[in-house]
C-alpha cells in the first residue's frame, strides 16, 4: 500500500519535473518555476516519508537487538551464579558431572546466542549506514568493543575449562565474559535510545 502511494507520488513528481523542463524550453518562466517548486516539495515529502519508514523499521530492529542483549546478560548472570553454587556444593562423588555439564551446555548456548546477536548487529549496521548513520555508528562501536573484549574467547574458555573438570578456573574467563556482555548490553541500550 505504502509502496503504491510512493510510486504514484514519484510519478506525479516526474510529471512536474517534465512540465517544468518543457516550460523552460518554451520560455514560460512562471510556469516552469511553479512546476519546479511543486516537484521540489513532492521530492521533500517523498524523502521525509522514506526516512520515517526506515526509522520505524530500524526502531523495531534495535528493540529486538536490545531484548536479545538483555537476555544474554541475564543468562550470563545466571551462569555465574551456577558456577559459584557449584564451587560451594558438597561433592556428590567423583563421577557426578551433571551440574558441570549443564553449565557447560548453558555456556555453549550462550556462545550461539552471542553469535546470532552479533550477526544481527552487523546486518543492521550495514543497512542503517546511509539511512541512520548515528545508529549505525553506535552499533559499530559496540560491536568493535565486543571484539576487543574477546567475548567469544572468554565464553569458549569457560566452556572448555568446565568440560575439562576445572569449574573454579572457569570462573575467571566467565567473569571476563560477563563484564563484556554487560558492556555489549549497555552499548545496544544506548543505541536504542
C-alpha atoms as a PDB file:
ATOM      1  CA  UNK A   1       0.000   0.000   0.000  1.00  0.00           C
ATOM      2  CA  UNK A   2       2.697   2.496   1.033  1.00  0.00           C
ATOM      3  CA  UNK A   3       4.895   1.453  -1.881  1.00  0.00           C
ATOM      4  CA  UNK A   4       1.988   2.017  -4.265  1.00  0.00           C
ATOM      5  CA  UNK A   5       1.407   5.506  -2.849  1.00  0.00           C
ATOM      6  CA  UNK A   6       5.123   6.283  -3.085  1.00  0.00           C
ATOM      7  CA  UNK A   7       5.237   5.175  -6.707  1.00  0.00           C
ATOM      8  CA  UNK A   8       2.225   7.316  -7.538  1.00  0.00           C
ATOM      9  CA  UNK A   9       3.742  10.323  -5.776  1.00  0.00           C
ATOM     10  CA  UNK A  10       7.029   9.756  -7.599  1.00  0.00           C
ATOM     11  CA  UNK A  11       5.213   9.652 -10.947  1.00  0.00           C
ATOM     12  CA  UNK A  12       3.475  12.950 -10.126  1.00  0.00           C
ATOM     13  CA  UNK A  13       6.843  14.453  -9.230  1.00  0.00           C
ATOM     14  CA  UNK A  14       8.349  13.248 -12.504  1.00  0.00           C
ATOM     15  CA  UNK A  15       5.427  14.801 -14.342  1.00  0.00           C
ATOM     16  CA  UNK A  16       6.033  18.136 -12.572  1.00  0.00           C
ATOM     17  CA  UNK A  17       9.724  17.983 -13.461  1.00  0.00           C
ATOM     18  CA  UNK A  18       8.847  17.227 -17.088  1.00  0.00           C
ATOM     19  CA  UNK A  19       6.374  20.128 -17.159  1.00  0.00           C
ATOM     20  CA  UNK A  20       8.997  22.451 -15.674  1.00  0.00           C
ATOM     21  CA  UNK A  21      11.510  21.365 -18.282  1.00  0.00           C
ATOM     22  CA  UNK A  22       9.045  21.892 -21.145  1.00  0.00           C
ATOM     23  CA  UNK A  23       8.012  25.284 -19.793  1.00  0.00           C
ATOM     24  CA  UNK A  24      11.651  26.336 -19.601  1.00  0.00           C
ATOM     25  CA  UNK A  25      12.255  25.239 -23.191  1.00  0.00           C
ATOM     26  CA  UNK A  26       9.239  27.265 -24.297  1.00  0.00           C
ATOM     27  CA  UNK A  27      10.383  30.271 -22.280  1.00  0.00           C
ATOM     28  CA  UNK A  28       7.440  30.223 -19.857  1.00  0.00           C
ATOM     29  CA  UNK A  29       9.383  31.059 -16.723  1.00  0.00           C
ATOM     30  CA  UNK A  30       6.472  31.488 -14.248  1.00  0.00           C
ATOM     31  CA  UNK A  31       5.008  28.090 -15.185  1.00  0.00           C
ATOM     32  CA  UNK A  32       8.478  26.475 -15.045  1.00  0.00           C
ATOM     33  CA  UNK A  33       9.106  27.962 -11.616  1.00  0.00           C
ATOM     34  CA  UNK A  34       5.734  26.767 -10.297  1.00  0.00           C
ATOM     35  CA  UNK A  35       6.265  23.247 -11.636  1.00  0.00           C
ATOM     36  CA  UNK A  36       9.790  23.197 -10.230  1.00  0.00           C
ATOM     37  CA  UNK A  37       8.585  24.281  -6.789  1.00  0.00           C
ATOM     38  CA  UNK A  38       5.846  21.600  -6.816  1.00  0.00           C
ATOM     39  CA  UNK A  39       8.395  18.958  -7.813  1.00  0.00           C
ATOM     40  CA  UNK A  40      10.786  20.092  -5.090  1.00  0.00           C
ATOM     41  CA  UNK A  41       8.045  19.939  -2.452  1.00  0.00           C
ATOM     42  CA  UNK A  42       6.949  16.470  -3.592  1.00  0.00           C
ATOM     43  CA  UNK A  43      10.530  15.183  -3.529  1.00  0.00           C
ATOM     44  CA  UNK A  44      10.967  16.507   0.002  1.00  0.00           C
ATOM     45  CA  UNK A  45       7.750  14.751   1.047  1.00  0.00           C
ATOM     46  CA  UNK A  46       8.965  11.511  -0.519  1.00  0.00           C
ATOM     47  CA  UNK A  47      12.299  11.840   1.258  1.00  0.00           C
ATOM     48  CA  UNK A  48      10.602  12.519   4.592  1.00  0.00           C
ATOM     49  CA  UNK A  49       8.225   9.577   4.140  1.00  0.00           C
ATOM     50  CA  UNK A  50      11.139   7.311   3.278  1.00  0.00           C
ATOM     51  CA  UNK A  51      13.113   8.450   6.321  1.00  0.00           C
ATOM     52  CA  UNK A  52      10.119   7.897   8.581  1.00  0.00           C
ATOM     53  CA  UNK A  53       9.567   4.368   7.262  1.00  0.00           C
ATOM     54  CA  UNK A  54      13.234   3.435   7.614  1.00  0.00           C
ATOM     55  CA  UNK A  55      13.381   4.969  11.091  1.00  0.00           C
ATOM     56  CA  UNK A  56      10.392   2.852  12.137  1.00  0.00           C
ATOM     57  CA  UNK A  57      11.982  -0.243  10.631  1.00  0.00           C
ATOM     58  CA  UNK A  58      15.264   0.326  12.442  1.00  0.00           C
ATOM     59  CA  UNK A  59      13.452   1.141  15.661  1.00  0.00           C
ATOM     60  CA  UNK A  60      11.903  -2.339  15.630  1.00  0.00           C
ATOM     61  CA  UNK A  61      15.223  -3.981  14.800  1.00  0.00           C
ATOM     62  CA  UNK A  62      17.078  -2.128  17.538  1.00  0.00           C
ATOM     63  CA  UNK A  63      14.352  -3.078  20.006  1.00  0.00           C
ATOM     64  CA  UNK A  64      14.907  -6.735  19.094  1.00  0.00           C
ATOM     65  CA  UNK A  65      18.675  -6.305  19.467  1.00  0.00           C
ATOM     66  CA  UNK A  66      18.084  -4.673  22.841  1.00  0.00           C
ATOM     67  CA  UNK A  67      15.912  -7.527  24.056  1.00  0.00           C
ATOM     68  CA  UNK A  68      18.428 -10.118  22.850  1.00  0.00           C
ATOM     69  CA  UNK A  69      21.289  -8.292  24.609  1.00  0.00           C
ATOM     70  CA  UNK A  70      19.298  -8.119  27.851  1.00  0.00           C
ATOM     71  CA  UNK A  71      18.528 -11.842  27.682  1.00  0.00           C
ATOM     72  CA  UNK A  72      22.194 -12.571  27.055  1.00  0.00           C
ATOM     73  CA  UNK A  73      23.128 -10.516  30.104  1.00  0.00           C
ATOM     74  CA  UNK A  74      20.535 -12.217  32.333  1.00  0.00           C
ATOM     75  CA  UNK A  75      21.629 -15.698  31.261  1.00  0.00           C
ATOM     76  CA  UNK A  76      25.293 -14.828  31.841  1.00  0.00           C
ATOM     77  CA  UNK A  77      24.474 -13.714  35.366  1.00  0.00           C
ATOM     78  CA  UNK A  78      22.636 -16.990  35.866  1.00  0.00           C
ATOM     79  CA  UNK A  79      25.669 -18.930  34.603  1.00  0.00           C
ATOM     80  CA  UNK A  80      27.929 -17.002  37.008  1.00  0.00           C
ATOM     81  CA  UNK A  81      25.638 -17.868  39.923  1.00  0.00           C
ATOM     82  CA  UNK A  82      25.524 -21.540  38.957  1.00  0.00           C
ATOM     83  CA  UNK A  83      29.329 -21.621  38.783  1.00  0.00           C
ATOM     84  CA  UNK A  84      29.579 -20.140  42.270  1.00  0.00           C
ATOM     85  CA  UNK A  85      26.980 -22.570  43.569  1.00  0.00           C
ATOM     86  CA  UNK A  86      28.927 -25.436  42.011  1.00  0.00           C
ATOM     87  CA  UNK A  87      32.018 -24.385  43.986  1.00  0.00           C
ATOM     88  CA  UNK A  88      30.152 -24.323  47.271  1.00  0.00           C
ATOM     89  CA  UNK A  89      28.325 -27.642  46.790  1.00  0.00           C
ATOM     90  CA  UNK A  90      29.419 -30.736  48.594  1.00  0.00           C
ATOM     91  CA  UNK A  91      30.994 -33.152  46.142  1.00  0.00           C
ATOM     92  CA  UNK A  92      28.471 -35.871  45.293  1.00  0.00           C
ATOM     93  CA  UNK A  93      31.131 -38.176  44.059  1.00  0.00           C
ATOM     94  CA  UNK A  94      33.918 -38.084  41.579  1.00  0.00           C
ATOM     95  CA  UNK A  95      31.722 -39.185  38.715  1.00  0.00           C
ATOM     96  CA  UNK A  96      28.770 -36.827  39.215  1.00  0.00           C
ATOM     97  CA  UNK A  97      29.384 -34.361  36.411  1.00  0.00           C
ATOM     98  CA  UNK A  98      25.762 -33.424  35.662  1.00  0.00           C
ATOM     99  CA  UNK A  99      25.805 -29.922  37.192  1.00  0.00           C
ATOM    100  CA  UNK A 100      29.059 -29.079  35.423  1.00  0.00           C
ATOM    101  CA  UNK A 101      27.728 -30.449  32.124  1.00  0.00           C
ATOM    102  CA  UNK A 102      24.530 -28.437  32.477  1.00  0.00           C
ATOM    103  CA  UNK A 103      26.504 -25.245  32.999  1.00  0.00           C
ATOM    104  CA  UNK A 104      28.753 -26.113  30.066  1.00  0.00           C
ATOM    105  CA  UNK A 105      25.681 -26.613  27.878  1.00  0.00           C
ATOM    106  CA  UNK A 106      24.306 -23.240  29.025  1.00  0.00           C
ATOM    107  CA  UNK A 107      27.618 -21.598  28.092  1.00  0.00           C
ATOM    108  CA  UNK A 108      27.516 -23.281  24.676  1.00  0.00           C
ATOM    109  CA  UNK A 109      24.000 -21.898  24.095  1.00  0.00           C
ATOM    110  CA  UNK A 110      25.270 -18.513  25.239  1.00  0.00           C
ATOM    111  CA  UNK A 111      28.032 -18.675  22.613  1.00  0.00           C
ATOM    112  CA  UNK A 112      25.475 -19.426  19.900  1.00  0.00           C
ATOM    113  CA  UNK A 113      23.129 -16.658  21.052  1.00  0.00           C
ATOM    114  CA  UNK A 114      26.044 -14.205  21.121  1.00  0.00           C
ATOM    115  CA  UNK A 115      26.918 -15.145  17.522  1.00  0.00           C
ATOM    116  CA  UNK A 116      23.298 -14.628  16.470  1.00  0.00           C
ATOM    117  CA  UNK A 117      23.176 -11.211  18.149  1.00  0.00           C
ATOM    118  CA  UNK A 118      26.482 -10.104  16.627  1.00  0.00           C
ATOM    119  CA  UNK A 119      25.336 -11.159  13.145  1.00  0.00           C
ATOM    120  CA  UNK A 120      22.076  -9.242  13.590  1.00  0.00           C
ATOM    121  CA  UNK A 121      24.080  -6.206  14.695  1.00  0.00           C
ATOM    122  CA  UNK A 122      26.354  -6.457  11.633  1.00  0.00           C
ATOM    123  CA  UNK A 123      23.328  -6.677   9.367  1.00  0.00           C
ATOM    124  CA  UNK A 124      21.665  -3.657  10.990  1.00  0.00           C
ATOM    125  CA  UNK A 125      24.902  -1.650  10.872  1.00  0.00           C
ATOM    126  CA  UNK A 126      25.270  -2.307   7.163  1.00  0.00           C
ATOM    127  CA  UNK A 127      21.666  -1.452   6.281  1.00  0.00           C
ATOM    128  CA  UNK A 128      21.472   1.600   8.578  1.00  0.00           C
ATOM    129  CA  UNK A 129      24.716   3.125   7.338  1.00  0.00           C
ATOM    130  CA  UNK A 130      23.142   5.551   4.882  1.00  0.00           C
ATOM    131  CA  UNK A 131      19.637   5.956   6.341  1.00  0.00           C
ATOM    132  CA  UNK A 132      20.537   6.145  10.058  1.00  0.00           C
ATOM    133  CA  UNK A 133      24.277   6.910  10.301  1.00  0.00           C
ATOM    134  CA  UNK A 134      24.242   7.680  14.047  1.00  0.00           C
ATOM    135  CA  UNK A 135      22.583   4.364  14.872  1.00  0.00           C
ATOM    136  CA  UNK A 136      24.996   2.559  12.578  1.00  0.00           C
ATOM    137  CA  UNK A 137      27.980   4.214  14.256  1.00  0.00           C
ATOM    138  CA  UNK A 138      26.786   3.436  17.792  1.00  0.00           C
ATOM    139  CA  UNK A 139      26.191  -0.219  16.947  1.00  0.00           C
ATOM    140  CA  UNK A 140      29.526  -0.409  15.120  1.00  0.00           C
ATOM    141  CA  UNK A 141      31.380   0.979  18.142  1.00  0.00           C
ATOM    142  CA  UNK A 142      29.612  -1.523  20.394  1.00  0.00           C
ATOM    143  CA  UNK A 143      30.491  -4.381  18.034  1.00  0.00           C
ATOM    144  CA  UNK A 144      34.118  -3.259  17.861  1.00  0.00           C
ATOM    145  CA  UNK A 145      34.318  -3.078  21.657  1.00  0.00           C
ATOM    146  CA  UNK A 146      32.837  -6.565  21.872  1.00  0.00           C
ATOM    147  CA  UNK A 147      35.594  -7.872  19.645  1.00  0.00           C
ATOM    148  CA  UNK A 148      38.141  -6.018  21.768  1.00  0.00           C
ATOM    149  CA  UNK A 149      36.688  -7.596  24.927  1.00  0.00           C
ATOM    150  CA  UNK A 150      37.206 -11.037  23.352  1.00  0.00           C
ATOM    151  CA  UNK A 151      33.813 -12.216  24.497  1.00  0.00           C
ATOM    152  CA  UNK A 152      33.720 -15.258  22.264  1.00  0.00           C
ATOM    153  CA  UNK A 153      37.114 -16.406  23.547  1.00  0.00           C
ATOM    154  CA  UNK A 154      36.047 -15.906  27.156  1.00  0.00           C
ATOM    155  CA  UNK A 155      32.902 -17.978  26.696  1.00  0.00           C
ATOM    156  CA  UNK A 156      34.795 -20.704  24.865  1.00  0.00           C
ATOM    157  CA  UNK A 157      37.454 -20.740  27.609  1.00  0.00           C
ATOM    158  CA  UNK A 158      34.763 -21.030  30.281  1.00  0.00           C
ATOM    159  CA  UNK A 159      33.172 -23.975  28.500  1.00  0.00           C
ATOM    160  CA  UNK A 160      36.484 -25.737  27.853  1.00  0.00           C
ATOM    161  CA  UNK A 161      37.578 -25.429  31.485  1.00  0.00           C
ATOM    162  CA  UNK A 162      34.219 -26.771  32.651  1.00  0.00           C
ATOM    163  CA  UNK A 163      34.448 -29.667  30.218  1.00  0.00           C
ATOM    164  CA  UNK A 164      37.961 -30.429  31.471  1.00  0.00           C
ATOM    165  CA  UNK A 165      36.694 -30.548  35.063  1.00  0.00           C
ATOM    166  CA  UNK A 166      38.022 -27.206  36.337  1.00  0.00           C
ATOM    167  CA  UNK A 167      34.953 -25.257  37.479  1.00  0.00           C
ATOM    168  CA  UNK A 168      36.915 -22.931  39.794  1.00  0.00           C
ATOM    169  CA  UNK A 169      39.264 -21.925  36.992  1.00  0.00           C
ATOM    170  CA  UNK A 170      36.266 -21.425  34.682  1.00  0.00           C
ATOM    171  CA  UNK A 171      35.098 -18.557  36.874  1.00  0.00           C
ATOM    172  CA  UNK A 172      37.856 -16.234  35.617  1.00  0.00           C
ATOM    173  CA  UNK A 173      37.000 -16.320  31.901  1.00  0.00           C
ATOM    174  CA  UNK A 174      33.300 -16.318  32.825  1.00  0.00           C
ATOM    175  CA  UNK A 175      33.792 -13.056  34.710  1.00  0.00           C
ATOM    176  CA  UNK A 176      35.514 -11.562  31.657  1.00  0.00           C
ATOM    177  CA  UNK A 177      32.595 -12.746  29.510  1.00  0.00           C
ATOM    178  CA  UNK A 178      30.054 -11.314  31.964  1.00  0.00           C
ATOM    179  CA  UNK A 179      31.748  -7.914  32.000  1.00  0.00           C
ATOM    180  CA  UNK A 180      31.935  -7.901  28.198  1.00  0.00           C
ATOM    181  CA  UNK A 181      28.275  -8.865  27.869  1.00  0.00           C
ATOM    182  CA  UNK A 182      27.382  -6.099  30.332  1.00  0.00           C
ATOM    183  CA  UNK A 183      29.214  -3.596  28.091  1.00  0.00           C
ATOM    184  CA  UNK A 184      27.592  -5.073  24.994  1.00  0.00           C
ATOM    185  CA  UNK A 185      24.148  -4.705  26.543  1.00  0.00           C
ATOM    186  CA  UNK A 186      24.931  -1.148  27.636  1.00  0.00           C
ATOM    187  CA  UNK A 187      26.028  -0.206  24.109  1.00  0.00           C
ATOM    188  CA  UNK A 188      22.957  -1.711  22.488  1.00  0.00           C
ATOM    189  CA  UNK A 189      20.702   0.028  25.029  1.00  0.00           C
ATOM    190  CA  UNK A 190      22.354   3.371  24.249  1.00  0.00           C
ATOM    191  CA  UNK A 191      21.844   2.815  20.530  1.00  0.00           C
ATOM    192  CA  UNK A 192      18.197   2.012  21.200  1.00  0.00           C
ATOM    193  CA  UNK A 193      17.591   5.367  22.893  1.00  0.00           C
END
